[in-house]
Amino acid sequence: MDNFIKILANINLFKCFNEEELSKIFEQNFKLKSYLKNSIIHLENEVCNSMDIILEGDIIIQKIDAEGKVLSINDFSNGDIIGENLLFSIENRYPMTISAKSDVKILHVDKKLVLKLCKSNECFLINFLQLLSSKTLFLTNKITSTMKTLRQCIIEFLLYEYYKNSM
């Protein structure tokens, strides 16, 4: 348990707590699970009941279409959090499949514990909301960038550089 407490202490979401407080919070309220490389962690359309924190290893999020084509959306690794954006949603089903890209160790944090921490600790609540906001922006940018042509990407980059250097 001490191993994952040290990892949690270095994640922005849990910066409000010291290691002793984290040990107390996760005394009984945790589910630590290991997954072998290439195993499925969450299937598309599976209900999301926990916020998952990657303690070791790498995962990949993929969309598999009806023809069996696989589109890799993103990779996540140590310290990254998944499922927080689905946890309290009315449509709380995973829109894509999540698989282990390597051997992975994940801490599954129950929805009730996340809610309890949000209600009892304003700092945690703010960090949680920032995490949700950042994930929303990341996903929006990811979708937007995949829809652009190469020419549009180059123009956008040049405009960014122009405004950055002119200030």
Foldseek 3Di string as FASTA:
>chain_A
DLLVLVLLCPAQLNVVDDSVVSCVLVVPQKDKDKDAAFAWPAAFFAAQFFKKAWQAAKKWWWAQDPVRDIDTQDMDGHGDIPQLLLNPDPSNGHRTIMGGNHITMMITGGSVSLVVCVVPPVSSVVSSVVSNVVVVVVVVVSVVVVPDDPVVVVVVVVVVVVVVVVD
